[in-house]
């Protein structure tokens, strides 16, 4: 990748419909799945923060050496929003972004409501 073709990275924004309400209220399960996914894709977690609300919904941010993953769940609406962003420092990580996002769609057994890709 040279400076004339360099793109800082792909940022994928998702809104998903999830009928498995228990997954939308299981931050521990999300963390466990995410840790396995990060290992599988050789991504390095450098920080994590989360908050669980009174109704069990949660928000979480996973800071990566390569950038970040964020999720916000709304079990009362059977939805979640998520973003996946990986930087392209030494290689194009666009395919990896798409694979990680697809893995979350599968994990939540979700229907995609919105799917945006932003090339940074």
N, C-alpha and C. Protein backbone atom coordinates (compact mmCIF):
# COMPACT_ATOMS: atom_id res chain seq x y z
N UNK A 1 0.86 -1.17 0.00
CA UNK A 1 0.00 0.00 0.00
C UNK A 1 0.90 1.23 0.00
N UNK A 2 0.73 2.12 -0.97
CA UNK A 2 1.53 3.34 -0.99
C UNK A 2 0.65 4.54 -0.66
N UNK A 3 1.27 5.71 -0.56
CA UNK A 3 0.53 6.89 -0.11
C UNK A 3 -0.56 7.33 -1.09
N UNK A 4 -0.45 6.96 -2.36
CA UNK A 4 -1.47 7.36 -3.33
C UNK A 4 -2.71 6.47 -3.26
N UNK A 5 -2.59 5.27 -2.69
CA UNK A 5 -3.74 4.36 -2.60
C UNK A 5 -4.18 4.14 -1.16
N UNK A 6 -3.51 4.79 -0.20
CA UNK A 6 -3.81 4.58 1.22
C UNK A 6 -5.19 5.08 1.60
N UNK A 7 -5.92 4.25 2.31
CA UNK A 7 -7.20 4.61 2.92
C UNK A 7 -7.07 4.28 4.40
N UNK A 8 -7.40 5.20 5.30
CA UNK A 8 -7.23 4.95 6.73
C UNK A 8 -7.96 3.73 7.27
N UNK A 9 -9.02 3.30 6.60
CA UNK A 9 -9.70 2.10 7.07
C UNK A 9 -11.18 2.10 6.73
N UNK A 10 -11.80 0.94 6.97
CA UNK A 10 -13.23 0.77 6.73
C UNK A 10 -13.97 0.82 8.06
N UNK A 11 -15.03 1.60 8.11
CA UNK A 11 -15.88 1.74 9.29
C UNK A 11 -17.26 1.21 8.91
N UNK A 12 -17.69 0.14 9.56
CA UNK A 12 -18.97 -0.49 9.26
C UNK A 12 -19.94 -0.17 10.39
N UNK A 13 -21.12 0.32 10.03
CA UNK A 13 -22.17 0.69 11.00
C UNK A 13 -23.38 -0.19 10.74
N UNK A 14 -23.84 -0.87 11.79
CA UNK A 14 -24.94 -1.82 11.66
C UNK A 14 -26.07 -1.50 12.63
N UNK A 15 -27.30 -1.72 12.18
CA UNK A 15 -28.46 -1.81 13.05
C UNK A 15 -29.06 -3.18 12.78
N UNK A 16 -29.24 -3.95 13.85
CA UNK A 16 -29.71 -5.33 13.71
C UNK A 16 -30.99 -5.56 14.49
N UNK A 17 -31.86 -6.39 13.91
CA UNK A 17 -33.06 -6.86 14.62
C UNK A 17 -32.71 -8.21 15.21
N UNK A 18 -32.92 -8.35 16.52
CA UNK A 18 -32.53 -9.56 17.25
C UNK A 18 -33.72 -10.06 18.05
N UNK A 19 -34.18 -11.26 17.75
CA UNK A 19 -35.31 -11.82 18.48
C UNK A 19 -34.89 -12.52 19.76
N UNK A 20 -33.60 -12.87 19.88
CA UNK A 20 -33.08 -13.52 21.10
C UNK A 20 -32.77 -12.44 22.14
N UNK A 21 -33.81 -12.02 22.84
CA UNK A 21 -33.67 -10.92 23.81
C UNK A 21 -32.58 -11.20 24.83
N UNK A 22 -32.40 -12.47 25.19
CA UNK A 22 -31.38 -12.79 26.20
C UNK A 22 -29.98 -12.40 25.72
N UNK A 23 -29.71 -12.46 24.42
CA UNK A 23 -28.40 -12.05 23.89
C UNK A 23 -28.21 -10.54 24.01
N UNK A 24 -29.32 -9.81 23.93
CA UNK A 24 -29.25 -8.35 24.04
C UNK A 24 -29.07 -7.90 25.49
N UNK A 25 -29.11 -8.86 26.41
CA UNK A 25 -28.96 -8.56 27.84
C UNK A 25 -27.80 -9.34 28.46
N UNK A 26 -26.91 -9.83 27.64
CA UNK A 26 -25.84 -10.71 28.12
C UNK A 26 -24.47 -10.12 27.76
N UNK A 27 -24.07 -9.13 28.53
CA UNK A 27 -22.77 -8.50 28.25
C UNK A 27 -21.63 -9.50 28.43
N UNK A 28 -21.74 -10.42 29.39
CA UNK A 28 -20.68 -11.41 29.59
C UNK A 28 -20.54 -12.32 28.37
N UNK A 29 -21.66 -12.74 27.81
CA UNK A 29 -21.63 -13.55 26.59
C UNK A 29 -21.03 -12.79 25.43
N UNK A 30 -21.38 -11.51 25.31
CA UNK A 30 -20.81 -10.66 24.26
C UNK A 30 -19.29 -10.58 24.41
N UNK A 31 -18.83 -10.37 25.63
CA UNK A 31 -17.39 -10.26 25.88
C UNK A 31 -16.69 -11.58 25.52
N UNK A 32 -17.25 -12.70 25.95
CA UNK A 32 -16.66 -14.00 25.65
C UNK A 32 -16.59 -14.23 24.14
N UNK A 33 -17.69 -13.96 23.44
CA UNK A 33 -17.69 -14.13 21.99
C UNK A 33 -16.67 -13.20 21.34
N UNK A 34 -16.64 -11.95 21.79
CA UNK A 34 -15.72 -10.96 21.22
C UNK A 34 -14.27 -11.36 21.43
N UNK A 35 -13.93 -11.83 22.62
CA UNK A 35 -12.54 -12.25 22.87
C UNK A 35 -12.12 -13.37 21.93
N UNK A 36 -13.00 -14.33 21.68
CA UNK A 36 -12.69 -15.40 20.73
C UNK A 36 -12.55 -14.88 19.32
N UNK A 37 -13.43 -13.95 18.95
CA UNK A 37 -13.39 -13.37 17.61
C UNK A 37 -12.11 -12.57 17.39
N UNK A 38 -11.70 -11.83 18.41
CA UNK A 38 -10.46 -11.05 18.30
C UNK A 38 -9.26 -11.98 18.14
N UNK A 39 -9.22 -13.06 18.89
CA UNK A 39 -8.13 -14.02 18.78
C UNK A 39 -8.11 -14.65 17.39
N UNK A 40 -9.27 -15.03 16.90
CA UNK A 40 -9.39 -15.65 15.58
C UNK A 40 -8.86 -14.73 14.48
N UNK A 41 -9.11 -13.43 14.61
CA UNK A 41 -8.71 -12.47 13.57
C UNK A 41 -7.41 -11.73 13.91
N UNK A 42 -6.74 -12.19 14.97
CA UNK A 42 -5.45 -11.61 15.39
C UNK A 42 -5.55 -10.10 15.60
N UNK A 43 -6.57 -9.69 16.34
CA UNK A 43 -6.77 -8.31 16.72
C UNK A 43 -6.44 -8.16 18.20
N UNK A 44 -5.86 -7.04 18.57
CA UNK A 44 -5.38 -6.86 19.94
C UNK A 44 -6.23 -5.87 20.73
N UNK A 45 -6.86 -6.39 21.80
CA UNK A 45 -7.66 -5.54 22.69
C UNK A 45 -6.73 -4.76 23.62
N UNK A 46 -6.92 -3.45 23.67
CA UNK A 46 -6.11 -2.62 24.57
C UNK A 46 -6.95 -1.95 25.65
N UNK A 47 -8.27 -2.09 25.56
CA UNK A 47 -9.15 -1.52 26.57
C UNK A 47 -10.58 -1.99 26.38
N UNK A 48 -11.35 -1.90 27.46
CA UNK A 48 -12.76 -2.31 27.41
C UNK A 48 -13.53 -1.54 28.47
N UNK A 49 -14.72 -1.09 28.09
CA UNK A 49 -15.61 -0.45 29.04
C UNK A 49 -17.04 -0.83 28.70
N UNK A 50 -17.86 -1.02 29.74
CA UNK A 50 -19.26 -1.36 29.49
C UNK A 50 -20.13 -0.82 30.62
N UNK A 51 -21.41 -0.77 30.32
CA UNK A 51 -22.40 -0.39 31.32
C UNK A 51 -23.65 -1.21 31.05
N UNK A 52 -24.22 -1.77 32.11
CA UNK A 52 -25.48 -2.51 32.01
C UNK A 52 -26.57 -1.65 32.64
N UNK A 53 -27.65 -1.47 31.90
CA UNK A 53 -28.76 -0.64 32.35
C UNK A 53 -29.75 -1.48 33.16
N UNK A 54 -30.69 -0.80 33.82
CA UNK A 54 -31.66 -1.47 34.70
C UNK A 54 -32.44 -2.57 33.99
N UNK A 55 -32.72 -2.42 32.70
CA UNK A 55 -33.50 -3.43 31.98
C UNK A 55 -32.61 -4.54 31.40
N UNK A 56 -31.32 -4.51 31.72
CA UNK A 56 -30.40 -5.55 31.24
C UNK A 56 -29.72 -5.21 29.94
N UNK A 57 -30.18 -4.16 29.26
CA UNK A 57 -29.49 -3.76 28.02
C UNK A 57 -28.09 -3.28 28.40
N UNK A 58 -27.23 -3.23 27.40
CA UNK A 58 -25.86 -2.81 27.69
C UNK A 58 -25.27 -2.00 26.56
N UNK A 59 -24.25 -1.27 26.92
CA UNK A 59 -23.42 -0.57 25.95
C UNK A 59 -21.99 -0.98 26.26
N UNK A 60 -21.20 -1.17 25.22
CA UNK A 60 -19.81 -1.61 25.42
C UNK A 60 -18.94 -1.05 24.31
N UNK A 61 -17.72 -0.74 24.70
CA UNK A 61 -16.71 -0.29 23.74
C UNK A 61 -15.45 -1.12 23.95
N UNK A 62 -14.96 -1.67 22.86
CA UNK A 62 -13.73 -2.45 22.88
C UNK A 62 -12.70 -1.64 22.11
N UNK A 63 -11.70 -1.16 22.81
CA UNK A 63 -10.62 -0.42 22.15
C UNK A 63 -9.60 -1.43 21.65
N UNK A 64 -9.25 -1.31 20.39
CA UNK A 64 -8.30 -2.21 19.77
C UNK A 64 -7.05 -1.45 19.36
N UNK A 65 -5.94 -2.14 19.30
CA UNK A 65 -4.74 -1.53 18.75
C UNK A 65 -5.04 -1.04 17.33
N UNK A 66 -5.92 -1.77 16.64
CA UNK A 66 -6.27 -1.47 15.26
C UNK A 66 -7.43 -0.47 15.14
N UNK A 67 -8.16 -0.18 16.20
CA UNK A 67 -9.20 0.84 16.32
C UNK A 67 -10.24 0.42 17.36
N UNK A 68 -11.52 0.07 16.96
CA UNK A 68 -12.53 -0.19 17.99
C UNK A 68 -13.73 -0.97 17.47
N UNK A 69 -14.49 -1.50 18.46
CA UNK A 69 -15.82 -2.10 18.27
C UNK A 69 -16.72 -1.46 19.32
N UNK A 70 -17.93 -1.09 18.94
CA UNK A 70 -18.89 -0.54 19.91
C UNK A 70 -20.26 -1.16 19.68
N UNK A 71 -21.01 -1.34 20.76
CA UNK A 71 -22.35 -1.92 20.67
C UNK A 71 -23.26 -1.24 21.69
N UNK A 72 -24.52 -1.11 21.29
CA UNK A 72 -25.58 -0.59 22.16
C UNK A 72 -26.80 -1.47 21.91
N UNK A 73 -27.38 -2.02 22.97
CA UNK A 73 -28.53 -2.92 22.79
C UNK A 73 -29.81 -2.31 23.34
N UNK A 74 -30.91 -2.66 22.69
CA UNK A 74 -32.25 -2.24 23.09
C UNK A 74 -33.16 -3.47 23.06
N UNK A 75 -33.18 -4.29 24.12
CA UNK A 75 -34.03 -5.48 24.12
C UNK A 75 -35.51 -5.15 24.00
N UNK A 76 -35.91 -3.99 24.52
CA UNK A 76 -37.32 -3.61 24.45
C UNK A 76 -37.78 -3.35 23.01
N UNK A 77 -36.83 -3.14 22.10
CA UNK A 77 -37.14 -2.95 20.68
C UNK A 77 -36.55 -4.05 19.81
N UNK A 78 -35.95 -5.07 20.44
CA UNK A 78 -35.30 -6.17 19.72
C UNK A 78 -34.26 -5.65 18.71
N UNK A 79 -33.48 -4.68 19.15
CA UNK A 79 -32.47 -4.10 18.26
C UNK A 79 -31.15 -3.86 18.96
N UNK A 80 -30.13 -3.76 18.12
CA UNK A 80 -28.83 -3.29 18.58
C UNK A 80 -28.21 -2.46 17.47
N UNK A 81 -27.33 -1.57 17.88
CA UNK A 81 -26.49 -0.86 16.92
C UNK A 81 -25.05 -1.21 17.24
N UNK A 82 -24.24 -1.24 16.20
CA UNK A 82 -22.86 -1.64 16.39
C UNK A 82 -22.00 -0.98 15.34
N UNK A 83 -20.78 -0.67 15.71
CA UNK A 83 -19.83 -0.25 14.70
C UNK A 83 -18.52 -0.98 14.87
N UNK A 84 -17.92 -1.25 13.72
CA UNK A 84 -16.64 -1.97 13.64
C UNK A 84 -15.73 -1.13 12.77
N UNK A 85 -14.60 -0.73 13.32
CA UNK A 85 -13.64 0.06 12.55
C UNK A 85 -12.24 -0.49 12.78
N UNK A 86 -11.57 -0.79 11.69
CA UNK A 86 -10.18 -1.24 11.74
C UNK A 86 -9.35 -0.36 10.81
N UNK A 87 -8.24 0.10 11.31
CA UNK A 87 -7.34 0.93 10.52
C UNK A 87 -6.53 0.08 9.55
N UNK A 88 -6.07 0.71 8.50
CA UNK A 88 -5.24 0.07 7.48
C UNK A 88 -3.79 0.55 7.60
N UNK A 89 -3.14 0.26 8.69
CA UNK A 89 -1.78 0.77 8.85
C UNK A 89 -0.81 0.12 7.88
N UNK A 90 -0.65 -1.19 7.95
CA UNK A 90 0.29 -1.90 7.08
C UNK A 90 -0.39 -2.73 6.00
N UNK A 91 -1.70 -2.92 6.14
CA UNK A 91 -2.44 -3.72 5.15
C UNK A 91 -3.90 -3.29 5.16
N UNK A 92 -4.58 -3.60 4.08
CA UNK A 92 -6.00 -3.29 3.97
C UNK A 92 -6.79 -4.29 4.81
N UNK A 93 -7.49 -3.80 5.82
CA UNK A 93 -8.27 -4.64 6.73
C UNK A 93 -9.76 -4.66 6.40
N UNK A 94 -10.14 -4.21 5.21
CA UNK A 94 -11.56 -4.12 4.86
C UNK A 94 -12.26 -5.47 4.93
N UNK A 95 -11.63 -6.51 4.40
CA UNK A 95 -12.26 -7.83 4.45
C UNK A 95 -12.42 -8.31 5.89
N UNK A 96 -11.45 -7.99 6.73
CA UNK A 96 -11.53 -8.39 8.14
C UNK A 96 -12.69 -7.68 8.83
N UNK A 97 -12.91 -6.40 8.52
CA UNK A 97 -14.04 -5.66 9.09
C UNK A 97 -15.34 -6.37 8.72
N UNK A 98 -15.47 -6.72 7.45
CA UNK A 98 -16.70 -7.38 6.99
C UNK A 98 -16.89 -8.75 7.65
N UNK A 99 -15.80 -9.49 7.83
CA UNK A 99 -15.87 -10.81 8.47
C UNK A 99 -16.28 -10.68 9.93
N UNK A 100 -15.71 -9.72 10.64
CA UNK A 100 -16.05 -9.50 12.05
C UNK A 100 -17.52 -9.10 12.17
N UNK A 101 -17.97 -8.18 11.33
CA UNK A 101 -19.38 -7.76 11.36
C UNK A 101 -20.31 -8.93 11.07
N UNK A 102 -19.97 -9.75 10.08
CA UNK A 102 -20.79 -10.92 9.74
C UNK A 102 -20.84 -11.91 10.90
N UNK A 103 -19.74 -12.05 11.63
CA UNK A 103 -19.71 -12.95 12.78
C UNK A 103 -20.68 -12.48 13.86
N UNK A 104 -20.77 -11.17 14.08
CA UNK A 104 -21.73 -10.65 15.05
C UNK A 104 -23.17 -10.86 14.59
N UNK A 105 -23.44 -10.69 13.31
CA UNK A 105 -24.79 -10.95 12.78
C UNK A 105 -25.16 -12.40 13.07
N UNK A 106 -24.21 -13.31 12.86
CA UNK A 106 -24.46 -14.74 13.15
C UNK A 106 -24.64 -14.98 14.64
N UNK A 107 -23.77 -14.41 15.46
CA UNK A 107 -23.85 -14.61 16.91
C UNK A 107 -25.22 -14.20 17.45
N UNK A 108 -25.70 -13.05 17.00
CA UNK A 108 -26.99 -12.56 17.47
C UNK A 108 -28.18 -13.15 16.70
N UNK A 109 -27.89 -14.01 15.69
CA UNK A 109 -28.93 -14.58 14.84
C UNK A 109 -29.86 -13.47 14.36
N UNK A 110 -29.24 -12.42 13.85
CA UNK A 110 -29.92 -11.17 13.57
C UNK A 110 -30.31 -10.99 12.11
N UNK A 111 -31.27 -10.12 11.94
CA UNK A 111 -31.65 -9.62 10.63
C UNK A 111 -31.04 -8.22 10.51
N UNK A 112 -30.38 -7.95 9.40
CA UNK A 112 -29.76 -6.65 9.20
C UNK A 112 -30.84 -5.64 8.78
N UNK A 113 -30.97 -4.58 9.58
CA UNK A 113 -31.89 -3.49 9.25
C UNK A 113 -31.15 -2.42 8.46
N UNK A 114 -29.97 -2.04 8.94
CA UNK A 114 -29.14 -1.04 8.26
C UNK A 114 -27.69 -1.54 8.25
N UNK A 115 -27.02 -1.26 7.16
CA UNK A 115 -25.62 -1.67 7.00
C UNK A 115 -24.92 -0.61 6.16
N UNK A 116 -24.12 0.19 6.81
CA UNK A 116 -23.39 1.26 6.11
C UNK A 116 -21.90 0.98 6.18
N UNK A 117 -21.23 1.29 5.09
CA UNK A 117 -19.77 1.20 5.06
C UNK A 117 -19.22 2.57 4.71
N UNK A 118 -18.30 3.03 5.53
CA UNK A 118 -17.65 4.32 5.30
C UNK A 118 -16.16 4.06 5.12
N UNK A 119 -15.64 4.40 3.97
CA UNK A 119 -14.20 4.32 3.75
C UNK A 119 -13.59 5.60 4.26
N UNK A 120 -12.79 5.47 5.30
CA UNK A 120 -12.18 6.65 5.94
C UNK A 120 -11.02 7.15 5.11
